[in-house]
Amino acid sequence: MHPGTCPACFKDYDKGTVITKVSEGWGHRACVPRKPSAAERAFARNKARIESGETFRSQKASDWRLGSSPSSSRPAR
């Protein structure tokens, strides 16, 4: 192992330091970007959809009437 500079944090490391592949070269293990879990990816995808203005109202029409409670808004059977 050779001394060098971590491309992620721009800090030097000495000869003998344990390093690993970072996006642009070799650097500290702690500087390797963490891969998000499936739940984190789904959250980010849904957040982006909401922030872009997309709503989920089109999935199911509401049968609530303005000023009524949910129990009194359903049609009588």
C-alpha atoms as a PDB file:
ATOM      1  CA  MET A   1       0.000   0.000   0.000  1.00  0.00           C
ATOM      2  CA  HIS A   2       1.185   3.486  -0.801  1.00  0.00           C
ATOM      3  CA  PRO A   3       0.489   6.858   0.787  1.00  0.00           C
ATOM      4  CA  GLY A   4      -1.987   9.073  -1.034  1.00  0.00           C
ATOM      5  CA  THR A   5      -4.987  11.346  -0.836  1.00  0.00           C
ATOM      6  CA  CYS A   6      -8.593  10.202  -0.579  1.00  0.00           C
ATOM      7  CA  PRO A   7     -10.569  11.577  -3.569  1.00  0.00           C
ATOM      8  CA  ALA A   8     -13.793  11.740  -1.530  1.00  0.00           C
ATOM      9  CA  CYS A   9     -12.675  13.709   1.542  1.00  0.00           C
ATOM     10  CA  PHE A  10      -9.329  15.071   0.232  1.00  0.00           C
ATOM     11  CA  LYS A  11      -7.484  13.911   3.372  1.00  0.00           C
ATOM     12  CA  ASP A  12      -4.108  12.185   3.166  1.00  0.00           C
ATOM     13  CA  TYR A  13      -3.579   8.605   4.267  1.00  0.00           C
ATOM     14  CA  ASP A  14      -0.281   7.023   5.276  1.00  0.00           C
ATOM     15  CA  LYS A  15       1.444   3.948   3.949  1.00  0.00           C
ATOM     16  CA  GLY A  16      -0.158   0.850   5.470  1.00  0.00           C
ATOM     17  CA  THR A  17      -3.611   2.409   5.959  1.00  0.00           C
ATOM     18  CA  VAL A  18      -6.453   0.129   4.896  1.00  0.00           C
ATOM     19  CA  ILE A  19      -8.057   1.669   1.803  1.00  0.00           C
ATOM     20  CA  THR A  20     -10.737   0.624  -0.646  1.00  0.00           C
ATOM     21  CA  LYS A  21     -12.031   1.614  -4.073  1.00  0.00           C
ATOM     22  CA  VAL A  22     -13.913   4.917  -3.981  1.00  0.00           C
ATOM     23  CA  SER A  23     -15.776   6.320  -6.991  1.00  0.00           C
ATOM     24  CA  GLU A  24     -12.791   8.156  -8.534  1.00  0.00           C
ATOM     25  CA  GLY A  25      -9.897   6.129  -7.098  1.00  0.00           C
ATOM     26  CA  TRP A  26      -8.705   4.710  -3.785  1.00  0.00           C
ATOM     27  CA  GLY A  27      -9.564   6.139  -0.370  1.00  0.00           C
ATOM     28  CA  HIS A  28     -10.742   5.553   3.174  1.00  0.00           C
ATOM     29  CA  ARG A  29     -13.287   2.809   3.843  1.00  0.00           C
ATOM     30  CA  ALA A  30     -15.570   5.314   5.589  1.00  0.00           C
ATOM     31  CA  CYS A  31     -15.668   7.469   2.442  1.00  0.00           C
ATOM     32  CA  VAL A  32     -17.315   4.790   0.282  1.00  0.00           C
ATOM     33  CA  PRO A  33     -20.920   5.849  -0.406  1.00  0.00           C
ATOM     34  CA  ARG A  34     -23.499   3.616   1.261  1.00  0.00           C
ATOM     35  CA  LYS A  35     -26.080   1.937  -0.972  1.00  0.00           C
ATOM     36  CA  PRO A  36     -29.651   2.767   0.098  1.00  0.00           C
ATOM     37  CA  SER A  37     -31.967  -0.057   1.143  1.00  0.00           C
ATOM     38  CA  ALA A  38     -35.072  -0.999  -0.835  1.00  0.00           C
ATOM     39  CA  ALA A  39     -37.265   0.892   1.642  1.00  0.00           C
ATOM     40  CA  GLU A  40     -35.121   4.025   1.306  1.00  0.00           C
ATOM     41  CA  ARG A  41     -35.308   3.822  -2.492  1.00  0.00           C
ATOM     42  CA  ALA A  42     -39.105   3.427  -2.386  1.00  0.00           C
ATOM     43  CA  PHE A  43     -39.399   6.364   0.016  1.00  0.00           C
ATOM     44  CA  ALA A  44     -37.262   8.566  -2.238  1.00  0.00           C
ATOM     45  CA  ARG A  45     -39.287   7.530  -5.307  1.00  0.00           C
ATOM     46  CA  ASN A  46     -42.620   8.331  -3.594  1.00  0.00           C
ATOM     47  CA  LYS A  47     -41.279  11.612  -2.200  1.00  0.00           C
ATOM     48  CA  ALA A  48     -40.197  12.686  -5.682  1.00  0.00           C
ATOM     49  CA  ARG A  49     -43.644  11.825  -7.066  1.00  0.00           C
ATOM     50  CA  ILE A  50     -45.363  13.902  -4.388  1.00  0.00           C
ATOM     51  CA  GLU A  51     -42.966  16.838  -4.741  1.00  0.00           C
ATOM     52  CA  SER A  52     -43.478  16.874  -8.502  1.00  0.00           C
ATOM     53  CA  GLY A  53     -47.167  17.554  -7.935  1.00  0.00           C
ATOM     54  CA  GLU A  54     -48.512  14.081  -8.577  1.00  0.00           C
ATOM     55  CA  THR A  55     -51.286  13.118  -6.192  1.00  0.00           C
ATOM     56  CA  PHE A  56     -52.742   9.788  -5.248  1.00  0.00           C
ATOM     57  CA  ARG A  57     -56.364  10.934  -5.326  1.00  0.00           C
ATOM     58  CA  SER A  58     -56.975   9.345  -8.703  1.00  0.00           C
ATOM     59  CA  GLN A  59     -56.565   5.872  -7.238  1.00  0.00           C
ATOM     60  CA  LYS A  60     -59.869   5.867  -5.373  1.00  0.00           C
ATOM     61  CA  ALA A  61     -62.648   8.400  -5.407  1.00  0.00           C
ATOM     62  CA  SER A  62     -63.677   9.686  -2.004  1.00  0.00           C
ATOM     63  CA  ASP A  63     -67.289   9.242  -0.992  1.00  0.00           C
ATOM     64  CA  TRP A  64     -67.087  11.697   1.907  1.00  0.00           C
ATOM     65  CA  ARG A  65     -69.446  14.641   1.877  1.00  0.00           C
ATOM     66  CA  LEU A  66     -68.218  18.022   3.036  1.00  0.00           C
ATOM     67  CA  GLY A  67     -69.166  18.584   6.677  1.00  0.00           C
ATOM     68  CA  SER A  68     -70.156  14.968   7.305  1.00  0.00           C
ATOM     69  CA  SER A  69     -68.445  12.263   9.258  1.00  0.00           C
ATOM     70  CA  PRO A  70     -67.170   9.193   7.386  1.00  0.00           C
ATOM     71  CA  SER A  71     -69.911   7.016   8.852  1.00  0.00           C
ATOM     72  CA  SER A  72     -72.710   9.257   7.556  1.00  0.00           C
ATOM     73  CA  SER A  73     -71.204   9.833   4.121  1.00  0.00           C
ATOM     74  CA  ARG A  74     -71.677   6.364   2.717  1.00  0.00           C
ATOM     75  CA  PRO A  75     -74.844   5.740   0.713  1.00  0.00           C
ATOM     76  CA  ALA A  76     -77.559   3.750   2.465  1.00  0.00           C
ATOM     77  CA  ARG A  77     -77.810   0.104   1.452  1.00  0.00           C
END
